[in-house]
Amino acid sequence: MVDVEFLGPINKEPMKIDISNLSQLSEILKKDSEVAAWLDTCAVAINDTLVSKKDIELSNGDKISLLPPVCGG
């Protein structure tokens, strides 16, 4: 099981899910109307390290963070 957290304006409660890579997570989240619109623009971190590939193998207890783009001034 991995922990998935949704930061900023995504406004969704964290979840625990049994997956082995980010491609599986992407397929699951595409079906979630609260999250689907954010998937193309979010950065993704595994255990607080930004990643850019979906084929990274996940381990039990990993934390995945979805970070939407933000703007500030």
Protein backbone atom coordinates (compact mmCIF):
# COMPACT_ATOMS: atom_id res chain seq x y z
CA MET A 1 0.00 0.00 0.00
CA VAL A 2 1.12 3.52 -0.77
CA ASP A 3 -0.18 6.83 0.56
CA VAL A 4 -1.39 9.39 -1.97
CA GLU A 5 -1.78 13.02 -0.95
CA PHE A 6 -3.37 15.78 -2.98
CA LEU A 7 -1.93 19.21 -2.31
CA GLY A 8 -3.19 22.74 -2.84
CA PRO A 9 -6.49 23.36 -4.61
CA ILE A 10 -7.10 19.71 -5.55
CA ASN A 11 -8.91 19.51 -2.22
CA LYS A 12 -9.23 15.73 -1.92
CA GLU A 13 -8.63 13.62 1.16
CA PRO A 14 -5.47 11.48 1.18
CA MET A 15 -5.91 7.84 0.20
CA LYS A 16 -4.14 4.51 0.62
CA ILE A 17 -3.99 2.33 -2.46
CA ASP A 18 -2.35 -0.93 -3.51
CA ILE A 19 -0.37 -0.18 -6.68
CA SER A 20 3.15 -0.93 -7.92
CA ASN A 21 3.84 2.06 -10.22
CA LEU A 22 2.60 5.53 -11.15
CA SER A 23 0.97 4.34 -14.38
CA GLN A 24 -1.50 2.34 -12.30
CA LEU A 25 -2.22 5.39 -10.15
CA SER A 26 -2.80 7.51 -13.24
CA GLU A 27 -5.37 5.04 -14.60
CA ILE A 28 -7.23 5.03 -11.28
CA LEU A 29 -7.22 8.82 -10.91
CA LYS A 30 -8.42 9.42 -14.48
CA LYS A 31 -11.74 7.93 -13.33
CA ASP A 32 -12.02 10.37 -10.41
CA SER A 33 -13.76 13.57 -11.48
CA GLU A 34 -12.23 15.56 -8.59
CA VAL A 35 -8.70 14.77 -9.74
CA ALA A 36 -8.82 14.00 -13.48
CA ALA A 37 -8.67 17.65 -14.57
CA TRP A 38 -5.43 18.15 -12.61
CA LEU A 39 -3.48 15.15 -13.87
CA ASP A 40 -1.92 16.77 -16.94
CA THR A 41 -0.59 19.76 -15.00
CA CYS A 42 0.50 18.27 -11.67
CA ALA A 43 4.03 17.56 -10.65
CA VAL A 44 4.46 14.25 -8.83
CA ALA A 45 6.74 13.46 -5.93
CA ILE A 46 7.57 10.11 -4.38
CA ASN A 47 8.77 10.39 -0.80
CA ASP A 48 9.28 14.15 -1.31
CA THR A 49 11.43 13.74 -4.45
CA LEU A 50 10.04 15.02 -7.76
CA VAL A 51 9.81 12.38 -10.49
CA SER A 52 9.02 12.56 -14.19
CA LYS A 53 8.56 8.91 -15.17
CA LYS A 54 5.48 6.76 -14.56
CA ASP A 55 7.30 3.41 -14.59
CA ILE A 56 9.08 3.90 -11.26
CA GLU A 57 8.46 0.92 -9.01
CA LEU A 58 6.75 1.76 -5.75
CA SER A 59 7.35 0.11 -2.39
CA ASN A 60 4.99 -0.51 0.48
CA GLY A 61 4.74 2.69 2.55
CA ASP A 62 5.83 5.10 -0.19
CA LYS A 63 4.20 8.54 -0.16
CA ILE A 64 3.04 9.98 -3.47
CA SER A 65 2.23 13.69 -3.61
CA LEU A 66 0.33 15.38 -6.43
CA LEU A 67 1.41 19.01 -6.63
CA PRO A 68 -0.73 21.28 -8.81
CA PRO A 69 0.81 24.35 -10.39
CA VAL A 70 0.58 27.48 -8.29
CA CYS A 71 1.14 31.11 -8.97
CA GLY A 72 2.06 33.79 -6.56
CA GLY A 73 3.51 37.18 -6.40
